[in-house]
Amino acid sequence: MERTLRKILTDALTSAFGTGADSFEIEIPREESHGDLSTPVAMGLARSLRKPPRTIAEQIVQAIASSEAPGGLGPVSDVFERVEVAGPGFINVTFAKPFAIAQTKRLLRERDGYLREDLGAGRSVQIEFVSANPTGPLHLGHGRGAALGAALSNLLTEAGYKVEKEYYINDAGRQVLLLGQSVFARYQQRCGLDYPVPEDGYRGDYIDDLAEEMQTGHGESFRGRDFRDVSALFVDYSYHRMLGGIRKDLDDFGVSFDTWQSERDLFRSGQVSKSIDDLRQRGHVFEEDGATWFRSTTFGDDKDRVVVKKDGEYTYFASDISYHREKVIKGFDEVVDVWGADHHGYILRVQAVVEAFGFPRSRLRVLLVQMVSLLRAGRPVQMSKRAGEFVTLREVIDEIGADTTKFLFLTRRPDSHLEVDIEVAKAQSQENPVFYVQYAHARINSIFEKARAEVSFGGEAMASGGELEEFDGSLFNDEEMKLLKKALFYPMVFKNAALAREPHRITFYLQELASLFHPYYHRHRVITEDLGLTKARLALCEAIRTVLQHGLRILGVKAPEKM
């Protein structure tokens, strides 16, 4: 429906002014009195046309009235019930009932082909997300990033992009060394020695578990040893075990990756030094005070950055330079990084890296994810004993399930703070958004299960729903038309979510669709004595079910047949 309006508006602009508009917004109004769709296109043209926006809008409406609809749809009057100018120059349109019915029949014929749009045309996108240090269990912030990255990957794949999902393993540097030192200290304590855990080391039951495993496997053969003598063993064993736990948690969360890039491998292969040399040859690296610097201020950063310290040790930023160089030279049309919100100050310097290697900084898009607060009946949940510092993703998955957790993580913009109440998440009520949406799908399935047993068309029992593609839409009442149009707006929501890289828009939409369907279900019988009305209402339910299935699949959430 949005595509039809956009084409009609484009043709009207050409007819009225001899020119089009590069782009213009079409939105779903919050107030029903403003029609089905609205556009401020006239206000965007006011400066170039040197006319008041309302005058421009009135001329556009006149041009629409005398035009033909695209695609052989006939006169525009067959498409719109009303086209009105409102306020300072908004154009509000209300679609005609026959047009909406025809679009529903297309939806039932084409299914997913109607709901999605090929925006990517095969362009490639790499999405790197989670990438938690393998030094402890995943916490809720990691889980939120995982839900976002996976849903965005699904969304862009459906929109025609070639998507690669990557996890960057931070397995080099001080943090994994601290993990090994922490486990070594606990091991020494288990061997009866008074050995201190590093002041900034890791704590929690999982460190004790790793120390116990080392003692079980090696006895007390390392008792009293200098950590430097056995550091490789303790570090490698500990971080591999933690990485294995992370993989298991993500697998149970329904999140997978195409590639796992090791930071260690970047050093081993010489890519880190090669990247610095590449920048040096481009004139973006200089030596000062015994250190090697990247001249990032050239590209808008607030200060230049050290890449090799005075002692010859690489900084964290050095491996990030190498990692992002590898990303862009692989030829991805877009690189998306999903980071915690505390990395906000890191964006400019990494964009500077991309530009320094000769690529537009727009090639890199960074999505920031805020932390999650966990509540139980409105009260904050205590920190995890196992993690020692935070509530783990595993704890939440075990209590409320992966589907519920993912859906709730996607109910807000990722850069806004999120509170999740465990008791609400477990409730089978309208207060639980994922239950409300999944239950709408399950209810429709139950309607069709009954229909297959009781309803026949043309003397044959209903089979798969293909019999519903031809129905009498004139039988729909106003409530049914409102519900029907809501389902038909899904392709517009899908398109805008993909263009904005915001899968949470799908979550919002599904909640709104479910909130319209459940009251309708309680007020109206779908299977009635009137076969024509039954068929029309089943067609409406099938359209809604098709949309719910597609939206939930984008979010990585199951569409259950029964609940």
Protein backbone atom coordinates (compact mmCIF):
# COMPACT_ATOMS: atom_id res chain seq x y z
CA MET A 1 0.00 0.00 0.00
CA GLU A 2 2.88 2.36 0.77
CA ARG A 3 4.51 1.50 -2.56
CA THR A 4 1.28 2.31 -4.41
CA LEU A 5 0.93 5.67 -2.67
CA ARG A 6 4.59 6.52 -3.29
CA LYS A 7 4.22 5.84 -7.03
CA ILE A 8 1.01 7.89 -7.24
CA LEU A 9 2.63 10.79 -5.40
CA THR A 10 5.72 10.65 -7.62
CA ASP A 11 3.56 10.75 -10.76
CA ALA A 12 1.47 13.61 -9.32
CA LEU A 13 4.59 15.66 -8.56
CA THR A 14 5.81 15.23 -12.11
CA SER A 15 2.37 16.18 -13.46
CA ALA A 16 1.94 19.23 -11.23
CA PHE A 17 5.46 20.64 -11.15
CA GLY A 18 7.43 18.85 -13.86
CA THR A 19 9.76 17.44 -11.23
CA GLY A 20 9.80 14.77 -8.59
CA ALA A 21 11.26 14.55 -5.10
CA ASP A 22 14.43 12.64 -4.33
CA SER A 23 12.81 11.09 -1.29
CA PHE A 24 9.88 11.79 0.96
CA GLU A 25 8.44 10.35 4.11
CA ILE A 26 5.24 8.35 4.32
CA GLU A 27 3.99 7.47 7.77
CA ILE A 28 1.12 5.80 9.57
CA PRO A 29 -0.72 8.55 11.50
CA ARG A 30 -1.24 8.08 15.21
CA GLU A 31 -4.79 9.41 14.99
CA GLU A 32 -7.34 7.49 12.91
CA SER A 33 -8.97 10.75 11.82
CA HIS A 34 -5.79 11.53 9.84
CA GLY A 35 -6.37 8.63 7.47
CA ASP A 36 -4.46 5.44 6.75
CA LEU A 37 -1.20 7.05 5.58
CA SER A 38 0.16 10.58 5.66
CA THR A 39 3.03 12.44 3.98
CA PRO A 40 4.71 15.83 4.55
CA VAL A 41 6.13 15.83 1.00
CA ALA A 42 4.71 19.30 0.30
CA MET A 43 6.66 20.84 3.17
CA GLY A 44 9.88 19.37 1.86
CA LEU A 45 9.28 21.07 -1.51
CA ALA A 46 8.34 24.51 -0.19
CA ARG A 47 11.82 26.04 -0.49
CA SER A 48 12.63 24.73 -3.97
CA LEU A 49 9.18 25.59 -5.39
CA ARG A 50 8.96 28.88 -3.47
CA LYS A 51 5.36 28.28 -2.51
CA PRO A 52 3.52 27.74 0.78
CA PRO A 53 3.41 24.03 1.68
CA ARG A 54 -0.38 23.98 1.83
CA THR A 55 -0.63 25.41 -1.70
CA ILE A 56 1.77 22.74 -2.93
CA ALA A 57 -0.24 20.04 -1.15
CA GLU A 58 -3.48 21.23 -2.74
CA GLN A 59 -1.90 21.13 -6.20
CA ILE A 60 -0.61 17.60 -5.55
CA VAL A 61 -4.09 16.47 -4.47
CA GLN A 62 -5.60 17.97 -7.65
CA ALA A 63 -3.02 16.12 -9.76
CA ILE A 64 -3.80 12.88 -7.94
CA ALA A 65 -7.53 13.26 -8.57
CA SER A 66 -7.06 13.39 -12.34
CA SER A 67 -4.49 10.59 -12.62
CA GLU A 68 -4.54 6.87 -13.20
CA ALA A 69 -3.25 4.49 -10.55
CA PRO A 70 -0.09 2.50 -11.45
CA GLY A 71 -0.05 -1.15 -12.40
CA GLY A 72 -3.41 -1.16 -14.17
CA LEU A 73 -5.32 -0.43 -10.97
CA GLY A 74 -7.68 1.93 -12.77
CA PRO A 75 -8.58 5.49 -11.74
CA VAL A 76 -7.17 6.78 -8.47
CA SER A 77 -10.71 6.91 -7.11
CA ASP A 78 -10.59 3.10 -7.04
CA VAL A 79 -7.54 3.28 -4.77
CA PHE A 80 -8.45 6.06 -2.36
CA GLU A 81 -11.63 6.75 -0.48
CA ARG A 82 -10.29 10.17 0.56
CA VAL A 83 -7.23 12.33 -0.17
CA GLU A 84 -7.12 15.43 2.03
CA VAL A 85 -4.84 18.34 2.88
CA ALA A 86 -4.42 18.89 6.60
CA GLY A 87 -2.69 21.44 8.80
CA PRO A 88 0.26 23.30 7.27
CA GLY A 89 0.47 20.94 4.29
CA PHE A 90 0.17 17.28 5.23
CA ILE A 91 -1.52 15.01 2.70
CA ASN A 92 -3.64 12.33 4.37
CA VAL A 93 -5.05 9.40 2.41
CA THR A 94 -7.63 6.77 3.23
CA PHE A 95 -7.61 3.68 1.03
CA ALA A 96 -10.81 2.47 -0.58
CA LYS A 97 -12.26 -0.78 0.71
CA PRO A 98 -12.08 -2.59 -2.68
CA PHE A 99 -8.39 -1.72 -3.00
CA ALA A 100 -7.61 -3.06 0.49
CA ILE A 101 -9.51 -6.26 -0.30
CA ALA A 102 -7.57 -6.69 -3.56
CA GLN A 103 -4.30 -6.22 -1.65
CA THR A 104 -5.35 -8.87 0.86
CA LYS A 105 -5.95 -11.34 -1.94
CA ARG A 106 -2.45 -10.56 -3.23
CA LEU A 107 -1.05 -11.20 0.23
CA LEU A 108 -2.78 -14.58 0.40
CA ARG A 109 -1.46 -15.52 -3.05
CA GLU A 110 2.11 -14.25 -2.70
CA ARG A 111 2.64 -14.75 1.06
CA ASP A 112 6.20 -13.78 2.01
CA GLY A 113 6.76 -12.32 -1.45
CA TYR A 114 4.15 -9.67 -0.64
CA LEU A 115 5.46 -8.94 2.84
CA ARG A 116 9.12 -8.34 2.10
CA GLU A 117 10.96 -6.10 -0.35
CA ASP A 118 14.29 -6.62 -2.11
CA LEU A 119 16.10 -3.59 -0.77
CA GLY A 120 19.58 -5.09 -0.72
CA ALA A 121 19.67 -6.44 -4.27
CA GLY A 122 22.49 -8.77 -3.24
CA ARG A 123 24.66 -6.14 -1.52
CA SER A 124 26.79 -7.59 1.25
CA VAL A 125 26.64 -6.70 4.94
CA GLN A 126 28.79 -8.03 7.75
CA ILE A 127 27.28 -7.80 11.23
CA GLU A 128 29.60 -8.29 14.18
CA PHE A 129 27.85 -8.65 17.51
CA VAL A 130 28.16 -9.97 21.06
CA SER A 131 31.98 -10.38 20.86
CA ALA A 132 32.16 -10.61 24.65
CA ASN A 133 35.58 -11.16 26.19
CA PRO A 134 35.91 -14.91 26.88
CA THR A 135 36.64 -14.13 30.53
CA GLY A 136 33.24 -14.85 32.07
CA PRO A 137 29.64 -15.82 31.36
CA LEU A 138 27.45 -13.71 29.10
CA HIS A 139 25.44 -11.08 30.97
CA LEU A 140 22.11 -9.48 30.03
CA GLY A 141 23.77 -6.73 27.99
CA HIS A 142 25.49 -9.36 25.86
CA GLY A 143 22.14 -11.10 25.46
CA ARG A 144 20.47 -7.92 24.29
CA GLY A 145 23.24 -7.42 21.74
CA ALA A 146 22.82 -11.02 20.62
CA ALA A 147 19.07 -10.60 20.13
CA LEU A 148 19.62 -7.37 18.18
CA GLY A 149 22.38 -8.76 15.97
CA ALA A 150 20.51 -11.95 15.15
CA ALA A 151 17.22 -10.15 14.40
CA LEU A 152 19.00 -7.56 12.26
CA SER A 153 20.71 -10.36 10.33
CA ASN A 154 17.33 -12.03 9.72
CA LEU A 155 15.76 -8.73 8.72
CA LEU A 156 18.44 -7.80 6.20
CA THR A 157 18.57 -11.32 4.77
CA GLU A 158 14.82 -11.14 4.15
CA ALA A 159 15.37 -7.71 2.58
CA GLY A 160 17.71 -9.12 -0.05
CA TYR A 161 21.14 -8.52 1.49
CA LYS A 162 23.93 -11.10 1.70
CA VAL A 163 24.64 -11.16 5.42
CA GLU A 164 27.65 -12.54 7.27
CA LYS A 165 27.43 -12.81 11.07
CA GLU A 166 30.73 -12.60 12.92
CA TYR A 167 31.89 -12.95 16.51
CA TYR A 168 35.20 -11.25 17.33
CA ILE A 169 37.07 -13.23 20.00
CA ASN A 170 39.11 -10.95 22.25
CA ASP A 171 41.61 -13.69 23.11
CA ALA A 172 44.75 -11.58 23.25
CA GLY A 173 45.87 -8.97 25.73
CA ARG A 174 45.53 -8.23 29.40
CA GLN A 175 41.98 -9.47 30.06
CA VAL A 176 42.58 -13.11 29.14
CA LEU A 177 45.88 -12.94 31.03
CA LEU A 178 43.96 -11.76 34.11
CA LEU A 179 41.55 -14.66 33.67
CA GLY A 180 44.45 -17.11 33.71
CA GLN A 181 45.99 -15.38 36.75
CA SER A 182 42.66 -15.48 38.60
CA VAL A 183 42.24 -19.22 37.98
CA PHE A 184 45.90 -19.81 38.90
CA ALA A 185 45.37 -17.98 42.22
CA ARG A 186 42.31 -20.07 43.06
CA TYR A 187 44.21 -23.20 42.10
CA GLN A 188 47.01 -22.31 44.51
CA GLN A 189 44.46 -21.68 47.26
CA ARG A 190 42.91 -25.08 46.59
CA CYS A 191 46.42 -26.52 47.02
CA GLY A 192 46.54 -24.97 50.50
CA LEU A 193 48.63 -21.88 49.76
CA ASP A 194 47.81 -18.33 50.77
CA TYR A 195 47.93 -16.89 47.27
CA PRO A 196 46.17 -13.57 46.46
CA VAL A 197 43.77 -13.14 43.56
CA PRO A 198 44.88 -10.14 41.44
CA GLU A 199 43.27 -6.94 42.67
CA ASP A 200 41.50 -6.42 39.34
CA GLY A 201 41.12 -10.15 38.66
CA TYR A 202 37.95 -12.13 38.06
CA ARG A 203 35.79 -13.55 40.82
CA GLY A 204 32.73 -15.70 41.06
CA ASP A 205 31.99 -19.39 41.25
CA TYR A 206 33.02 -20.00 37.66
CA ILE A 207 36.65 -19.15 38.55
CA ASP A 208 36.53 -21.74 41.35
CA ASP A 209 35.09 -24.27 38.90
CA LEU A 210 37.96 -23.72 36.48
CA ALA A 211 40.52 -24.01 39.29
CA GLU A 212 38.89 -27.27 40.43
CA GLU A 213 39.06 -28.64 36.88
CA MET A 214 42.75 -27.79 36.68
CA GLN A 215 43.37 -29.51 40.01
CA THR A 216 41.40 -32.57 38.91
CA GLY A 217 43.35 -32.80 35.68
CA HIS A 218 46.83 -31.98 36.97
CA GLY A 219 46.73 -32.63 40.70
CA GLU A 220 49.08 -30.38 42.64
CA SER A 221 51.86 -30.48 40.06
CA PHE A 222 51.73 -26.66 39.72
CA ARG A 223 51.62 -25.99 43.46
CA GLY A 224 53.96 -23.14 44.35
CA ARG A 225 55.05 -22.58 40.75
CA ASP A 226 55.64 -19.13 39.31
CA PHE A 227 52.68 -18.14 37.15
CA ARG A 228 54.99 -17.07 34.32
CA ASP A 229 56.14 -20.67 33.96
CA VAL A 230 52.61 -22.02 33.40
CA SER A 231 50.76 -18.95 32.13
CA ALA A 232 50.12 -20.34 28.64
CA LEU A 233 48.46 -23.47 30.07
CA PHE A 234 46.23 -21.61 32.54
CA VAL A 235 45.29 -18.84 30.13
CA ASP A 236 44.52 -21.12 27.18
CA TYR A 237 42.56 -23.67 29.20
CA SER A 238 40.53 -21.00 31.01
CA TYR A 239 39.56 -18.89 28.03
CA HIS A 240 38.76 -21.92 25.85
CA ARG A 241 36.46 -23.24 28.57
CA MET A 242 34.78 -19.83 28.90
CA LEU A 243 34.43 -19.53 25.13
CA GLY A 244 32.82 -22.97 25.07
CA GLY A 245 30.30 -21.80 27.66
CA ILE A 246 29.56 -18.69 25.61
CA ARG A 247 28.99 -20.80 22.48
CA LYS A 248 26.61 -23.06 24.43
CA ASP A 249 24.64 -20.12 25.83
CA LEU A 250 24.32 -18.56 22.37
CA ASP A 251 23.31 -21.86 20.83
CA ASP A 252 20.58 -22.31 23.44
CA PHE A 253 19.55 -18.70 22.80
CA GLY A 254 19.07 -19.54 19.13
CA VAL A 255 21.91 -17.31 17.95
CA SER A 256 24.58 -18.57 15.56
CA PHE A 257 27.54 -17.09 13.69
CA ASP A 258 29.06 -17.70 10.28
CA THR A 259 32.59 -16.81 11.35
CA TRP A 260 34.56 -16.50 14.59
CA GLN A 261 37.53 -14.14 14.22
CA SER A 262 40.32 -14.59 16.75
CA GLU A 263 42.29 -11.54 17.85
CA ARG A 264 45.28 -13.83 18.42
CA ASP A 265 45.15 -14.90 14.79
CA LEU A 266 45.47 -11.28 13.69
CA PHE A 267 48.78 -11.08 15.56
CA ARG A 268 49.99 -14.54 14.52
CA SER A 269 49.33 -13.84 10.83
CA GLY A 270 51.13 -10.51 11.00
CA GLN A 271 47.97 -8.58 10.10
CA VAL A 272 48.35 -6.15 13.00
CA SER A 273 51.85 -5.02 12.02
CA LYS A 274 50.85 -5.03 8.36
CA SER A 275 47.92 -2.71 9.11
CA ILE A 276 50.16 -0.25 10.95
CA ASP A 277 52.64 -0.34 8.06
CA ASP A 278 49.79 0.30 5.62
CA LEU A 279 48.76 3.40 7.57
CA ARG A 280 52.39 4.51 7.74
CA GLN A 281 52.71 4.30 3.96
CA ARG A 282 49.55 6.38 3.63
CA GLY A 283 51.09 9.04 5.88
CA HIS A 284 48.73 8.48 8.80
CA VAL A 285 51.24 7.15 11.35
CA PHE A 286 53.98 9.09 13.14
CA GLU A 287 56.52 8.54 15.91
CA GLU A 288 56.58 10.73 19.02
CA ASP A 289 57.91 10.32 22.58
CA GLY A 290 59.12 6.84 21.72
CA ALA A 291 55.60 5.64 20.75
CA THR A 292 53.86 5.08 17.43
CA TRP A 293 50.70 7.13 16.84
CA PHE A 294 47.76 7.02 14.41
CA ARG A 295 46.93 10.53 13.20
CA SER A 296 43.20 10.11 13.74
CA THR A 297 42.56 13.86 14.16
CA THR A 298 42.92 14.10 10.39
CA PHE A 299 39.62 12.25 10.17
CA GLY A 300 37.66 14.05 12.87
CA ASP A 301 38.78 12.29 16.04
CA ASP A 302 39.36 14.56 19.05
CA LYS A 303 42.98 13.42 19.51
CA ASP A 304 45.60 11.19 17.93
CA ARG A 305 45.85 7.61 19.23
CA VAL A 306 48.80 5.49 20.34
CA VAL A 307 49.06 2.16 18.52
CA VAL A 308 52.47 0.98 19.76
CA LYS A 309 53.60 2.00 23.26
CA LYS A 310 57.12 2.99 24.28
CA ASP A 311 57.90 -0.55 25.43
CA GLY A 312 56.99 -1.91 21.98
CA GLU A 313 53.67 -3.41 23.14
CA TYR A 314 50.66 -2.94 20.89
CA THR A 315 47.62 -1.13 22.30
CA TYR A 316 44.11 -2.57 22.13
CA PHE A 317 43.43 -0.06 19.40
CA ALA A 318 46.14 -1.59 17.20
CA SER A 319 44.29 -4.89 16.88
CA ASP A 320 41.03 -3.01 16.31
CA ILE A 321 42.71 -1.19 13.42
CA SER A 322 43.78 -4.51 11.93
CA TYR A 323 40.37 -6.09 12.49
CA HIS A 324 38.48 -3.27 10.78
CA ARG A 325 40.99 -3.15 7.94
CA GLU A 326 40.28 -6.83 7.31
CA LYS A 327 36.54 -6.11 7.32
CA VAL A 328 36.61 -3.34 4.73
CA ILE A 329 39.16 -4.90 2.37
CA LYS A 330 37.00 -8.03 2.18
CA GLY A 331 34.67 -5.90 0.12
CA PHE A 332 31.54 -5.74 2.28
CA ASP A 333 29.24 -2.96 1.16
CA GLU A 334 28.44 -2.25 4.79
CA VAL A 335 29.98 -3.25 8.10
CA VAL A 336 27.81 -3.14 11.21
CA ASP A 337 29.28 -3.31 14.72
CA VAL A 338 26.99 -3.87 17.70
CA TRP A 339 28.68 -2.44 20.81
CA GLY A 340 27.80 -1.75 24.40
CA ALA A 341 26.78 1.86 25.04
CA ASP A 342 29.93 2.41 27.11
CA HIS A 343 31.92 2.24 23.84
CA HIS A 344 30.27 5.38 22.48
CA GLY A 345 33.52 7.34 22.61
CA TYR A 346 35.22 4.69 20.46
CA ILE A 347 33.09 5.29 17.37
CA LEU A 348 34.97 8.29 15.94
CA ARG A 349 38.38 6.67 16.11
CA VAL A 350 37.21 3.47 14.39
CA GLN A 351 35.43 5.47 11.70
CA ALA A 352 38.72 7.35 11.29
CA VAL A 353 40.43 4.00 10.67
CA VAL A 354 37.98 3.10 7.92
CA GLU A 355 38.49 6.45 6.24
CA ALA A 356 42.27 6.30 6.62
CA PHE A 357 42.30 3.06 4.60
CA GLY A 358 40.53 4.84 1.76
CA PHE A 359 36.90 3.89 2.41
CA PRO A 360 33.99 6.21 3.24
CA ARG A 361 33.30 6.28 6.96
CA SER A 362 29.66 5.52 6.15
CA ARG A 363 30.85 2.01 5.30
CA LEU A 364 30.88 1.39 9.07
CA ARG A 365 27.67 1.64 11.10
CA VAL A 366 27.81 1.25 14.89
CA LEU A 367 24.72 0.27 16.88
CA LEU A 368 24.93 0.89 20.61
CA VAL A 369 23.17 -1.33 23.15
CA GLN A 370 22.28 -0.16 26.63
CA MET A 371 22.36 -2.44 29.64
CA VAL A 372 19.35 -4.36 30.95
CA SER A 373 18.02 -4.14 34.50
CA LEU A 374 16.36 -7.29 35.79
CA LEU A 375 13.39 -7.00 38.15
CA ARG A 376 11.24 -9.49 40.00
CA ALA A 377 7.79 -8.13 40.81
CA GLY A 378 9.17 -4.62 40.43
CA ARG A 379 12.25 -5.11 42.62
CA PRO A 380 15.85 -5.36 41.37
CA VAL A 381 17.23 -8.91 41.18
CA GLN A 382 20.37 -9.58 43.18
CA MET A 383 23.67 -10.18 41.40
CA SER A 384 24.56 -13.68 40.33
CA LYS A 385 26.67 -15.70 42.73
CA ARG A 386 28.03 -17.64 39.78
CA ALA A 387 29.21 -14.55 37.89
CA GLY A 388 30.06 -12.57 41.00
CA GLU A 389 29.23 -9.23 39.40
CA PHE A 390 26.08 -9.50 37.30
CA VAL A 391 23.04 -11.55 36.34
CA THR A 392 23.93 -14.00 33.59
CA LEU A 393 22.04 -14.53 30.37
CA ARG A 394 21.90 -18.25 31.20
CA GLU A 395 19.94 -17.60 34.39
CA VAL A 396 17.30 -15.62 32.53
CA ILE A 397 17.03 -18.14 29.66
CA ASP A 398 16.57 -20.96 32.16
CA GLU A 399 13.78 -19.10 33.97
CA ILE A 400 11.73 -17.49 31.19
CA GLY A 401 12.97 -19.18 28.00
CA ALA A 402 14.93 -18.04 24.98
CA ASP A 403 11.94 -16.82 22.95
CA THR A 404 10.58 -14.63 25.72
CA THR A 405 14.01 -13.24 26.50
CA LYS A 406 14.73 -12.36 22.86
CA PHE A 407 11.36 -10.73 22.32
CA LEU A 408 11.64 -8.62 25.48
CA PHE A 409 15.15 -7.52 24.54
CA LEU A 410 13.69 -6.23 21.26
CA THR A 411 10.80 -4.24 22.75
CA ARG A 412 12.81 -1.03 23.03
CA ARG A 413 15.31 0.88 20.94
CA PRO A 414 18.68 -0.73 21.66
CA ASP A 415 20.21 2.57 22.79
CA SER A 416 17.54 3.06 25.48
CA HIS A 417 17.65 1.53 28.95
CA LEU A 418 15.55 -1.62 29.34
CA GLU A 419 13.93 -3.16 32.41
CA VAL A 420 12.76 -6.76 32.29
CA ASP A 421 10.47 -8.04 35.03
CA ILE A 422 10.76 -11.80 35.46
CA GLU A 423 7.26 -12.18 36.89
CA VAL A 424 5.66 -10.26 34.03
CA ALA A 425 7.69 -12.31 31.55
CA LYS A 426 6.30 -15.54 33.01
CA ALA A 427 2.70 -14.33 33.16
CA GLN A 428 0.27 -15.62 30.57
CA SER A 429 -1.56 -12.35 30.20
CA GLN A 430 -1.81 -9.15 28.20
CA GLU A 431 0.97 -7.71 30.36
CA ASN A 432 3.44 -10.16 28.81
CA PRO A 433 4.03 -8.86 25.26
CA VAL A 434 5.58 -12.02 23.81
CA PHE A 435 2.78 -14.20 25.19
CA TYR A 436 0.21 -11.79 23.76
CA VAL A 437 1.72 -11.98 20.27
CA GLN A 438 2.37 -15.74 20.27
CA TYR A 439 -1.11 -16.37 21.66
CA ALA A 440 -2.64 -14.47 18.74
CA HIS A 441 -0.93 -16.90 16.38
CA ALA A 442 -1.97 -19.92 18.45
CA ARG A 443 -5.57 -18.70 18.56
CA ILE A 444 -5.71 -18.37 14.79
CA ASN A 445 -4.31 -21.88 14.46
CA SER A 446 -7.06 -23.19 16.73
CA ILE A 447 -9.66 -21.44 14.55
CA PHE A 448 -8.29 -23.17 11.45
CA GLU A 449 -8.12 -26.51 13.21
CA LYS A 450 -11.81 -26.19 13.94
CA ALA A 451 -12.54 -24.92 10.42
CA ARG A 452 -10.84 -27.90 8.82
CA ALA A 453 -13.17 -30.15 10.78
CA GLU A 454 -16.38 -28.19 10.29
CA VAL A 455 -16.21 -26.00 7.17
CA SER A 456 -16.31 -27.02 3.52
CA PHE A 457 -16.17 -24.90 0.37
CA GLY A 458 -17.72 -26.19 -2.82
CA GLY A 459 -18.48 -29.51 -1.17
CA GLU A 460 -14.83 -30.12 -0.20
CA ALA A 461 -13.33 -29.78 3.25
CA MET A 462 -10.93 -26.87 3.75
CA ALA A 463 -7.34 -27.99 3.37
CA SER A 464 -4.41 -25.59 3.48
CA GLY A 465 -6.12 -22.23 3.21
CA GLY A 466 -5.59 -21.77 -0.52
CA GLU A 467 -9.38 -21.82 -0.88
CA LEU A 468 -9.50 -18.45 0.87
CA GLU A 469 -7.82 -16.41 -1.87
CA GLU A 470 -11.21 -15.47 -3.30
CA PHE A 471 -13.59 -14.11 -0.67
CA ASP A 472 -16.28 -11.45 -0.43
CA GLY A 473 -14.58 -8.54 1.31
CA SER A 474 -17.73 -6.41 1.14
CA LEU A 475 -18.91 -8.38 4.18
CA PHE A 476 -16.22 -6.85 6.41
CA ASN A 477 -17.34 -4.37 9.07
CA ASP A 478 -15.35 -1.31 10.14
CA GLU A 479 -13.46 -3.21 12.84
CA GLU A 480 -12.44 -5.88 10.36
CA MET A 481 -11.26 -3.29 7.87
CA LYS A 482 -9.14 -1.64 10.56
CA LEU A 483 -7.59 -5.00 11.40
CA LEU A 484 -7.12 -5.83 7.73
CA LYS A 485 -5.36 -2.55 6.94
CA LYS A 486 -3.09 -3.06 9.94
CA ALA A 487 -1.97 -6.37 8.45
CA LEU A 488 -1.46 -4.74 5.05
CA PHE A 489 0.86 -2.11 6.52
CA TYR A 490 3.38 -4.78 7.53
CA PRO A 491 5.43 -4.47 4.27
CA MET A 492 5.90 -0.76 5.03
CA VAL A 493 6.99 -1.53 8.61
CA PHE A 494 9.35 -4.22 7.29
CA LYS A 495 10.89 -1.86 4.72
CA ASN A 496 11.40 0.98 7.20
CA ALA A 497 12.84 -1.37 9.82
CA ALA A 498 15.35 -2.73 7.31
CA LEU A 499 16.36 0.71 6.01
CA ALA A 500 16.81 2.05 9.55
CA ARG A 501 18.53 -1.16 10.75
CA GLU A 502 15.96 -1.26 13.59
CA PRO A 503 14.34 -4.68 14.08
CA HIS A 504 12.54 -3.47 17.21
CA ARG A 505 10.05 -1.77 14.85
CA ILE A 506 8.82 -5.26 13.97
CA THR A 507 8.31 -5.99 17.67
CA PHE A 508 6.26 -2.82 18.16
CA TYR A 509 4.13 -3.63 15.13
CA LEU A 510 3.41 -7.23 16.19
CA GLN A 511 2.25 -6.03 19.60
CA GLU A 512 -0.10 -3.53 17.95
CA LEU A 513 -1.47 -6.17 15.57
CA ALA A 514 -2.07 -8.60 18.44
CA SER A 515 -3.77 -5.87 20.49
CA LEU A 516 -6.27 -5.41 17.65
CA PHE A 517 -6.82 -9.12 17.01
CA HIS A 518 -7.55 -10.35 20.55
CA PRO A 519 -10.54 -8.00 21.18
CA TYR A 520 -11.86 -8.85 17.72
CA TYR A 521 -11.60 -12.56 18.55
CA HIS A 522 -13.66 -12.06 21.70
CA ARG A 523 -16.34 -9.99 19.97
CA HIS A 524 -16.86 -11.95 16.76
CA ARG A 525 -17.27 -15.57 15.80
CA VAL A 526 -15.13 -16.47 12.81
CA ILE A 527 -16.95 -19.72 11.97
CA THR A 528 -20.61 -18.84 11.49
CA GLU A 529 -23.71 -20.25 9.80
CA ASP A 530 -23.06 -17.84 6.90
CA LEU A 531 -20.51 -19.60 4.65
CA GLY A 532 -19.57 -16.40 2.81
CA LEU A 533 -18.93 -14.49 6.03
CA THR A 534 -16.99 -17.44 7.44
CA LYS A 535 -14.77 -17.54 4.38
CA ALA A 536 -14.10 -13.80 4.54
CA ARG A 537 -13.22 -13.93 8.23
CA LEU A 538 -10.99 -16.95 7.73
CA ALA A 539 -9.20 -15.05 4.98
CA LEU A 540 -8.69 -12.15 7.38
CA CYS A 541 -7.30 -14.53 10.01
CA GLU A 542 -5.01 -16.17 7.46
CA ALA A 543 -3.62 -12.78 6.44
CA ILE A 544 -2.91 -11.94 10.09
CA ARG A 545 -1.36 -15.36 10.72
CA THR A 546 0.93 -14.96 7.70
CA VAL A 547 2.12 -11.58 8.97
CA LEU A 548 2.64 -12.85 12.53
CA GLN A 549 4.70 -15.78 11.29
CA HIS A 550 6.93 -13.57 9.18
CA GLY A 551 7.47 -10.99 11.90
CA LEU A 552 8.24 -13.56 14.59
CA ARG A 553 10.67 -15.31 12.23
CA ILE A 554 12.54 -12.00 11.80
CA LEU A 555 12.85 -11.73 15.59
CA GLY A 556 14.02 -15.33 15.90
CA VAL A 557 10.96 -16.20 18.00
CA LYS A 558 8.77 -19.26 17.46
CA ALA A 559 5.18 -18.95 16.23
CA PRO A 560 3.55 -21.73 18.30
CA GLU A 561 0.58 -23.69 17.01
CA LYS A 562 -0.81 -24.25 20.50
CA MET A 563 -0.37 -22.58 23.88
